[in-house]
PDB file of all heavy atoms in Angstrom:
ATOM      1  N   ARG A   1     -44.665 -40.565 -30.542  1.00  0.00           N
ATOM      2  CA  ARG A   1     -44.615 -42.031 -30.569  1.00  0.00           C
ATOM      3  C   ARG A   1     -44.658 -42.657 -29.178  1.00  0.00           C
ATOM      4  O   ARG A   1     -44.850 -43.855 -29.034  1.00  0.00           O
ATOM      5  CB  ARG A   1     -43.374 -42.518 -31.324  1.00  0.00           C
ATOM      6  CG  ARG A   1     -42.091 -42.270 -30.599  1.00  0.00           C
ATOM      7  CD  ARG A   1     -40.871 -42.872 -31.302  1.00  0.00           C
ATOM      8  NE  ARG A   1     -39.699 -42.587 -30.523  1.00  0.00           N
ATOM      9  CZ  ARG A   1     -39.256 -43.334 -29.525  1.00  0.00           C
ATOM     10  NH1 ARG A   1     -39.884 -44.439 -29.195  1.00  0.00           N
ATOM     11  NH2 ARG A   1     -38.179 -42.992 -28.848  1.00  0.00           N
ATOM     12  N   LYS A   2     -44.468 -41.849 -28.147  1.00  0.00           N
ATOM     13  CA  LYS A   2     -44.412 -42.365 -26.779  1.00  0.00           C
ATOM     14  C   LYS A   2     -45.767 -42.252 -26.088  1.00  0.00           C
ATOM     15  O   LYS A   2     -46.538 -41.331 -26.335  1.00  0.00           O
ATOM     16  CB  LYS A   2     -43.359 -41.606 -25.964  1.00  0.00           C
ATOM     17  CG  LYS A   2     -41.949 -41.816 -26.482  1.00  0.00           C
ATOM     18  CD  LYS A   2     -40.949 -41.066 -25.630  1.00  0.00           C
ATOM     19  CE  LYS A   2     -39.524 -41.309 -26.120  1.00  0.00           C
ATOM     20  NZ  LYS A   2     -38.550 -40.524 -25.370  1.00  0.00           N
ATOM     21  N   LYS A   3     -46.034 -43.197 -25.193  1.00  0.00           N
ATOM     22  CA  LYS A   3     -47.289 -43.188 -24.439  1.00  0.00           C
ATOM     23  C   LYS A   3     -47.243 -42.190 -23.292  1.00  0.00           C
ATOM     24  O   LYS A   3     -48.262 -41.643 -22.896  1.00  0.00           O
ATOM     25  CB  LYS A   3     -47.576 -44.584 -23.882  1.00  0.00           C
ATOM     26  CG  LYS A   3     -47.897 -45.598 -24.953  1.00  0.00           C
ATOM     27  CD  LYS A   3     -48.198 -46.949 -24.354  1.00  0.00           C
ATOM     28  CE  LYS A   3     -48.472 -47.947 -25.459  1.00  0.00           C
ATOM     29  NZ  LYS A   3     -48.721 -49.284 -24.939  1.00  0.00           N
ATOM     30  N   ALA A   4     -46.056 -41.973 -22.738  1.00  0.00           N
ATOM     31  CA  ALA A   4     -45.901 -41.063 -21.592  1.00  0.00           C
ATOM     32  C   ALA A   4     -44.666 -40.204 -21.807  1.00  0.00           C
ATOM     33  O   ALA A   4     -43.752 -40.575 -22.545  1.00  0.00           O
ATOM     34  CB  ALA A   4     -45.760 -41.881 -20.309  1.00  0.00           C
ATOM     35  N   PRO A   5     -44.617 -39.055 -21.144  1.00  0.00           N
ATOM     36  CA  PRO A   5     -43.411 -38.214 -21.253  1.00  0.00           C
ATOM     37  C   PRO A   5     -42.207 -38.896 -20.614  1.00  0.00           C
ATOM     38  O   PRO A   5     -42.338 -39.852 -19.861  1.00  0.00           O
ATOM     39  CB  PRO A   5     -43.790 -36.947 -20.497  1.00  0.00           C
ATOM     40  CG  PRO A   5     -45.082 -37.186 -19.832  1.00  0.00           C
ATOM     41  CD  PRO A   5     -45.647 -38.473 -20.308  1.00  0.00           C
ATOM     42  N   SER A   6     -41.032 -38.384 -20.900  1.00  0.00           N
ATOM     43  CA  SER A   6     -39.806 -38.916 -20.309  1.00  0.00           C
ATOM     44  C   SER A   6     -39.822 -38.683 -18.804  1.00  0.00           C
ATOM     45  O   SER A   6     -40.677 -37.962 -18.279  1.00  0.00           O
ATOM     46  CB  SER A   6     -38.580 -38.234 -20.925  1.00  0.00           C
ATOM     47  OG  SER A   6     -38.531 -36.881 -20.516  1.00  0.00           O
ATOM     48  N   LYS A   7     -38.866 -39.264 -18.113  1.00  0.00           N
ATOM     49  CA  LYS A   7     -38.786 -39.152 -16.654  1.00  0.00           C
ATOM     50  C   LYS A   7     -38.789 -37.691 -16.204  1.00  0.00           C
ATOM     51  O   LYS A   7     -39.436 -37.332 -15.231  1.00  0.00           O
ATOM     52  CB  LYS A   7     -37.522 -39.863 -16.170  1.00  0.00           C
ATOM     53  CG  LYS A   7     -37.380 -39.959 -14.677  1.00  0.00           C
ATOM     54  CD  LYS A   7     -36.153 -40.768 -14.312  1.00  0.00           C
ATOM     55  CE  LYS A   7     -36.000 -40.872 -12.810  1.00  0.00           C
ATOM     56  NZ  LYS A   7     -34.807 -41.655 -12.451  1.00  0.00           N
ATOM     57  N   GLU A   8     -38.059 -36.838 -16.931  1.00  0.00           N
ATOM     58  CA  GLU A   8     -37.994 -35.418 -16.572  1.00  0.00           C
ATOM     59  C   GLU A   8     -39.082 -34.598 -17.256  1.00  0.00           C
ATOM     60  O   GLU A   8     -39.193 -33.403 -17.012  1.00  0.00           O
ATOM     61  CB  GLU A   8     -36.607 -34.861 -16.909  1.00  0.00           C
ATOM     62  CG  GLU A   8     -35.509 -35.481 -16.067  1.00  0.00           C
ATOM     63  CD  GLU A   8     -34.132 -34.933 -16.385  1.00  0.00           C
ATOM     64  OE1 GLU A   8     -34.020 -33.744 -16.738  1.00  0.00           O
ATOM     65  OE2 GLU A   8     -33.165 -35.704 -16.271  1.00  0.00           O
ATOM     66  N   GLY A   9     -39.867 -35.228 -18.139  1.00  0.00           N
ATOM     67  CA  GLY A   9     -40.968 -34.538 -18.800  1.00  0.00           C
ATOM     68  C   GLY A   9     -40.561 -33.600 -19.918  1.00  0.00           C
ATOM     69  O   GLY A   9     -41.355 -32.780 -20.366  1.00  0.00           O
ATOM     70  N   LYS A  10     -39.314 -33.716 -20.396  1.00  0.00           N
ATOM     71  CA  LYS A  10     -38.810 -32.822 -21.442  1.00  0.00           C
ATOM     72  C   LYS A  10     -38.813 -33.514 -22.800  1.00  0.00           C
ATOM     73  O   LYS A  10     -38.603 -34.721 -22.896  1.00  0.00           O
ATOM     74  CB  LYS A  10     -37.368 -32.400 -21.132  1.00  0.00           C
ATOM     75  CG  LYS A  10     -37.214 -31.647 -19.842  1.00  0.00           C
ATOM     76  CD  LYS A  10     -35.741 -31.371 -19.564  1.00  0.00           C
ATOM     77  CE  LYS A  10     -35.532 -30.733 -18.219  1.00  0.00           C
ATOM     78  NZ  LYS A  10     -34.111 -30.540 -17.937  1.00  0.00           N
ATOM     79  N   LEU A  11     -39.022 -32.725 -23.832  1.00  0.00           N
ATOM     80  CA  LEU A  11     -38.890 -33.239 -25.186  1.00  0.00           C
ATOM     81  C   LEU A  11     -37.416 -33.462 -25.499  1.00  0.00           C
ATOM     82  O   LEU A  11     -36.569 -32.674 -25.082  1.00  0.00           O
ATOM     83  CB  LEU A  11     -39.456 -32.247 -26.209  1.00  0.00           C
ATOM     84  CG  LEU A  11     -40.970 -32.061 -26.237  1.00  0.00           C
ATOM     85  CD1 LEU A  11     -41.334 -30.958 -27.230  1.00  0.00           C
ATOM     86  CD2 LEU A  11     -41.677 -33.350 -26.602  1.00  0.00           C
ATOM     87  N   GLY A  12     -37.142 -34.515 -26.245  1.00  0.00           N
ATOM     88  CA  GLY A  12     -35.784 -34.768 -26.694  1.00  0.00           C
ATOM     89  C   GLY A  12     -35.588 -34.229 -28.101  1.00  0.00           C
ATOM     90  O   GLY A  12     -36.454 -33.540 -28.651  1.00  0.00           O
ATOM     91  N   VAL A  13     -34.464 -34.562 -28.693  1.00  0.00           N
ATOM     92  CA  VAL A  13     -34.156 -34.104 -30.048  1.00  0.00           C
ATOM     93  C   VAL A  13     -35.265 -34.500 -31.013  1.00  0.00           C
ATOM     94  O   VAL A  13     -35.707 -33.700 -31.838  1.00  0.00           O
ATOM     95  CB  VAL A  13     -32.788 -34.663 -30.514  1.00  0.00           C
ATOM     96  CG1 VAL A  13     -32.558 -34.401 -31.986  1.00  0.00           C
ATOM     97  CG2 VAL A  13     -31.662 -34.060 -29.682  1.00  0.00           C
ATOM     98  N   GLU A  14     -35.759 -35.724 -30.892  1.00  0.00           N
ATOM     99  CA  GLU A  14     -36.787 -36.188 -31.828  1.00  0.00           C
ATOM    100  C   GLU A  14     -38.085 -35.398 -31.717  1.00  0.00           C
ATOM    101  O   GLU A  14     -38.858 -35.338 -32.662  1.00  0.00           O
ATOM    102  CB  GLU A  14     -37.080 -37.677 -31.630  1.00  0.00           C
ATOM    103  CG  GLU A  14     -37.870 -37.988 -30.381  1.00  0.00           C
ATOM    104  CD  GLU A  14     -38.304 -39.435 -30.270  1.00  0.00           C
ATOM    105  OE1 GLU A  14     -39.351 -39.782 -30.847  1.00  0.00           O
ATOM    106  OE2 GLU A  14     -37.588 -40.203 -29.610  1.00  0.00           O
ATOM    107  N   GLY A  15     -38.344 -34.768 -30.582  1.00  0.00           N
ATOM    108  CA  GLY A  15     -39.570 -34.006 -30.375  1.00  0.00           C
ATOM    109  C   GLY A  15     -39.470 -32.540 -30.753  1.00  0.00           C
ATOM    110  O   GLY A  15     -40.460 -31.815 -30.733  1.00  0.00           O
ATOM    111  N   MET A  16     -38.289 -32.084 -31.100  1.00  0.00           N
ATOM    112  CA  MET A  16     -38.077 -30.668 -31.434  1.00  0.00           C
ATOM    113  C   MET A  16     -38.536 -30.365 -32.862  1.00  0.00           C
ATOM    114  O   MET A  16     -38.442 -31.207 -33.751  1.00  0.00           O
ATOM    115  CB  MET A  16     -36.595 -30.306 -31.337  1.00  0.00           C
ATOM    116  CG  MET A  16     -36.029 -30.322 -29.948  1.00  0.00           C
ATOM    117  SD  MET A  16     -36.650 -28.971 -28.955  1.00  0.00           S
ATOM    118  CE  MET A  16     -37.020 -29.856 -27.448  1.00  0.00           C
ATOM    119  N   GLN A  17     -38.983 -29.141 -33.056  1.00  0.00           N
ATOM    120  CA  GLN A  17     -39.293 -28.689 -34.408  1.00  0.00           C
ATOM    121  C   GLN A  17     -37.973 -28.456 -35.140  1.00  0.00           C
ATOM    122  O   GLN A  17     -36.962 -28.121 -34.525  1.00  0.00           O
ATOM    123  CB  GLN A  17     -40.107 -27.400 -34.364  1.00  0.00           C
ATOM    124  CG  GLN A  17     -41.482 -27.579 -33.772  1.00  0.00           C
ATOM    125  CD  GLN A  17     -42.251 -26.261 -33.714  1.00  0.00           C
ATOM    126  OE1 GLN A  17     -41.738 -25.196 -34.052  1.00  0.00           O
ATOM    127  NE2 GLN A  17     -43.493 -26.340 -33.281  1.00  0.00           N
ATOM    128  N   LEU A  18     -37.989 -28.611 -36.440  1.00  0.00           N
ATOM    129  CA  LEU A  18     -36.763 -28.452 -37.226  1.00  0.00           C
ATOM    130  C   LEU A  18     -36.162 -27.057 -37.067  1.00  0.00           C
ATOM    131  O   LEU A  18     -34.940 -26.910 -37.025  1.00  0.00           O
ATOM    132  CB  LEU A  18     -37.029 -28.757 -38.700  1.00  0.00           C
ATOM    133  CG  LEU A  18     -37.367 -30.218 -39.017  1.00  0.00           C
ATOM    134  CD1 LEU A  18     -37.659 -30.384 -40.507  1.00  0.00           C
ATOM    135  CD2 LEU A  18     -36.260 -31.156 -38.568  1.00  0.00           C
ATOM    136  N   ALA A  19     -36.994 -26.040 -36.942  1.00  0.00           N
ATOM    137  CA  ALA A  19     -36.482 -24.675 -36.766  1.00  0.00           C
ATOM    138  C   ALA A  19     -35.709 -24.549 -35.456  1.00  0.00           C
ATOM    139  O   ALA A  19     -34.699 -23.842 -35.392  1.00  0.00           O
ATOM    140  CB  ALA A  19     -37.636 -23.677 -36.806  1.00  0.00           C
ATOM    141  N   VAL A  20     -36.160 -25.240 -34.420  1.00  0.00           N
ATOM    142  CA  VAL A  20     -35.474 -25.209 -33.129  1.00  0.00           C
ATOM    143  C   VAL A  20     -34.119 -25.910 -33.255  1.00  0.00           C
ATOM    144  O   VAL A  20     -33.103 -25.428 -32.733  1.00  0.00           O
ATOM    145  CB  VAL A  20     -36.337 -25.874 -32.026  1.00  0.00           C
ATOM    146  CG1 VAL A  20     -35.567 -26.015 -30.732  1.00  0.00           C
ATOM    147  CG2 VAL A  20     -37.622 -25.082 -31.810  1.00  0.00           C
ATOM    148  N   LEU A  21     -34.087 -27.032 -33.963  1.00  0.00           N
ATOM    149  CA  LEU A  21     -32.815 -27.751 -34.168  1.00  0.00           C
ATOM    150  C   LEU A  21     -31.849 -26.907 -34.990  1.00  0.00           C
ATOM    151  O   LEU A  21     -30.652 -26.853 -34.687  1.00  0.00           O
ATOM    152  CB  LEU A  21     -33.070 -29.098 -34.833  1.00  0.00           C
ATOM    153  CG  LEU A  21     -33.839 -30.118 -34.003  1.00  0.00           C
ATOM    154  CD1 LEU A  21     -34.140 -31.371 -34.826  1.00  0.00           C
ATOM    155  CD2 LEU A  21     -33.074 -30.486 -32.739  1.00  0.00           C
ATOM    156  N   GLN A  22     -32.348 -26.254 -36.014  1.00  0.00           N
ATOM    157  CA  GLN A  22     -31.492 -25.398 -36.843  1.00  0.00           C
ATOM    158  C   GLN A  22     -30.906 -24.267 -36.005  1.00  0.00           C
ATOM    159  O   GLN A  22     -29.718 -23.960 -36.108  1.00  0.00           O
ATOM    160  CB  GLN A  22     -32.258 -24.836 -38.027  1.00  0.00           C
ATOM    161  CG  GLN A  22     -31.383 -24.005 -38.947  1.00  0.00           C
ATOM    162  CD  GLN A  22     -32.087 -23.620 -40.228  1.00  0.00           C
ATOM    163  OE1 GLN A  22     -33.170 -24.094 -40.537  1.00  0.00           O
ATOM    164  NE2 GLN A  22     -31.458 -22.748 -40.992  1.00  0.00           N
ATOM    165  N   LYS A  23     -31.721 -23.664 -35.162  1.00  0.00           N
ATOM    166  CA  LYS A  23     -31.245 -22.576 -34.300  1.00  0.00           C
ATOM    167  C   LYS A  23     -30.179 -23.093 -33.331  1.00  0.00           C
ATOM    168  O   LYS A  23     -29.169 -22.420 -33.094  1.00  0.00           O
ATOM    169  CB  LYS A  23     -32.406 -21.963 -33.531  1.00  0.00           C
ATOM    170  CG  LYS A  23     -32.008 -20.784 -32.674  1.00  0.00           C
ATOM    171  CD  LYS A  23     -33.206 -20.156 -31.994  1.00  0.00           C
ATOM    172  CE  LYS A  23     -32.756 -18.992 -31.126  1.00  0.00           C
ATOM    173  NZ  LYS A  23     -33.866 -18.410 -30.383  1.00  0.00           N
ATOM    174  N   ALA A  24     -30.380 -24.301 -32.789  1.00  0.00           N
ATOM    175  CA  ALA A  24     -29.395 -24.888 -31.870  1.00  0.00           C
ATOM    176  C   ALA A  24     -28.055 -25.091 -32.578  1.00  0.00           C
ATOM    177  O   ALA A  24     -26.990 -24.816 -32.011  1.00  0.00           O
ATOM    178  CB  ALA A  24     -29.912 -26.208 -31.313  1.00  0.00           C
ATOM    179  N   LEU A  25     -28.099 -25.544 -33.824  1.00  0.00           N
ATOM    180  CA  LEU A  25     -26.860 -25.735 -34.594  1.00  0.00           C
ATOM    181  C   LEU A  25     -26.190 -24.402 -34.882  1.00  0.00           C
ATOM    182  O   LEU A  25     -24.972 -24.272 -34.758  1.00  0.00           O
ATOM    183  CB  LEU A  25     -27.156 -26.494 -35.890  1.00  0.00           C
ATOM    184  CG  LEU A  25     -27.572 -27.951 -35.718  1.00  0.00           C
ATOM    185  CD1 LEU A  25     -28.064 -28.529 -37.045  1.00  0.00           C
ATOM    186  CD2 LEU A  25     -26.437 -28.790 -35.163  1.00  0.00           C
ATOM    187  N   GLU A  26     -26.975 -23.417 -35.256  1.00  0.00           N
ATOM    188  CA  GLU A  26     -26.418 -22.086 -35.545  1.00  0.00           C
ATOM    189  C   GLU A  26     -25.786 -21.470 -34.296  1.00  0.00           C
ATOM    190  O   GLU A  26     -24.715 -20.870 -34.361  1.00  0.00           O
ATOM    191  CB  GLU A  26     -27.502 -21.174 -36.114  1.00  0.00           C
ATOM    192  CG  GLU A  26     -27.922 -21.562 -37.517  1.00  0.00           C
ATOM    193  CD  GLU A  26     -29.175 -20.844 -38.000  1.00  0.00           C
ATOM    194  OE1 GLU A  26     -29.796 -20.084 -37.213  1.00  0.00           O
ATOM    195  OE2 GLU A  26     -29.549 -21.061 -39.168  1.00  0.00           O
ATOM    196  N   GLN A  27     -26.439 -21.627 -33.143  1.00  0.00           N
ATOM    197  CA  GLN A  27     -25.911 -21.076 -31.895  1.00  0.00           C
ATOM    198  C   GLN A  27     -24.621 -21.780 -31.486  1.00  0.00           C
ATOM    199  O   GLN A  27     -23.801 -21.207 -30.778  1.00  0.00           O
ATOM    200  CB  GLN A  27     -26.945 -21.177 -30.777  1.00  0.00           C
ATOM    201  CG  GLN A  27     -28.076 -20.203 -30.947  1.00  0.00           C
ATOM    202  CD  GLN A  27     -29.161 -20.375 -29.899  1.00  0.00           C
ATOM    203  OE1 GLN A  27     -29.377 -21.448 -29.360  1.00  0.00           O
ATOM    204  NE2 GLN A  27     -29.855 -19.285 -29.610  1.00  0.00           N
ATOM    205  N   ALA A  28     -24.439 -23.020 -31.937  1.00  0.00           N
ATOM    206  CA  ALA A  28     -23.215 -23.757 -31.631  1.00  0.00           C
ATOM    207  C   ALA A  28     -22.057 -23.306 -32.521  1.00  0.00           C
ATOM    208  O   ALA A  28     -20.930 -23.762 -32.357  1.00  0.00           O
ATOM    209  CB  ALA A  28     -23.454 -25.256 -31.798  1.00  0.00           C
ATOM    210  N   GLY A  29     -22.342 -22.435 -33.480  1.00  0.00           N
ATOM    211  CA  GLY A  29     -21.295 -21.947 -34.370  1.00  0.00           C
ATOM    212  C   GLY A  29     -21.137 -22.790 -35.620  1.00  0.00           C
ATOM    213  O   GLY A  29     -20.167 -22.645 -36.354  1.00  0.00           O
ATOM    214  N   VAL A  30     -22.104 -23.643 -35.876  1.00  0.00           N
ATOM    215  CA  VAL A  30     -22.054 -24.498 -37.054  1.00  0.00           C
ATOM    216  C   VAL A  30     -22.720 -23.758 -38.208  1.00  0.00           C
ATOM    217  O   VAL A  30     -23.821 -23.251 -38.073  1.00  0.00           O
ATOM    218  CB  VAL A  30     -22.802 -25.827 -36.789  1.00  0.00           C
ATOM    219  CG1 VAL A  30     -22.829 -26.684 -38.026  1.00  0.00           C
ATOM    220  CG2 VAL A  30     -22.157 -26.563 -35.632  1.00  0.00           C
ATOM    221  N   THR A  31     -22.029 -23.680 -39.298  1.00  0.00           N
ATOM    222  CA  THR A  31     -22.589 -23.023 -40.475  1.00  0.00           C
ATOM    223  C   THR A  31     -22.599 -24.011 -41.621  1.00  0.00           C
ATOM    224  O   THR A  31     -21.758 -24.911 -41.694  1.00  0.00           O
ATOM    225  CB  THR A  31     -21.768 -21.786 -40.874  1.00  0.00           C
ATOM    226  OG1 THR A  31     -20.399 -22.176 -41.037  1.00  0.00           O
ATOM    227  CG2 THR A  31     -21.849 -20.706 -39.816  1.00  0.00           C
ATOM    228  N   PRO A  32     -23.545 -23.851 -42.519  1.00  0.00           N
ATOM    229  CA  PRO A  32     -23.593 -24.764 -43.668  1.00  0.00           C
ATOM    230  C   PRO A  32     -22.296 -24.714 -44.469  1.00  0.00           C
ATOM    231  O   PRO A  32     -21.668 -23.666 -44.587  1.00  0.00           O
ATOM    232  CB  PRO A  32     -24.764 -24.246 -44.502  1.00  0.00           C
ATOM    233  CG  PRO A  32     -25.587 -23.450 -43.554  1.00  0.00           C
ATOM    234  CD  PRO A  32     -24.631 -22.898 -42.541  1.00  0.00           C
ATOM    235  N   GLN A  33     -21.929 -25.853 -44.982  1.00  0.00           N
ATOM    236  CA  GLN A  33     -20.704 -25.957 -45.784  1.00  0.00           C
ATOM    237  C   GLN A  33     -20.909 -25.226 -47.095  1.00  0.00           C
ATOM    238  O   GLN A  33     -21.926 -25.389 -47.760  1.00  0.00           O
ATOM    239  CB  GLN A  33     -20.397 -27.437 -46.032  1.00  0.00           C
ATOM    240  CG  GLN A  33     -19.100 -27.691 -46.733  1.00  0.00           C
ATOM    241  CD  GLN A  33     -18.833 -29.193 -46.865  1.00  0.00           C
ATOM    242  OE1 GLN A  33     -19.704 -30.011 -46.672  1.00  0.00           O
ATOM    243  NE2 GLN A  33     -17.620 -29.525 -47.202  1.00  0.00           N
TER     244      GLN A  33
END
């Protein structure tokens, strides 16, 4: 949705694939209820 990358050129949460977000949650020790 953005015309240019962020100041640091990194993707934010909105730019991540769902599998990457799921892995980040799992690595944080969060498990499904």
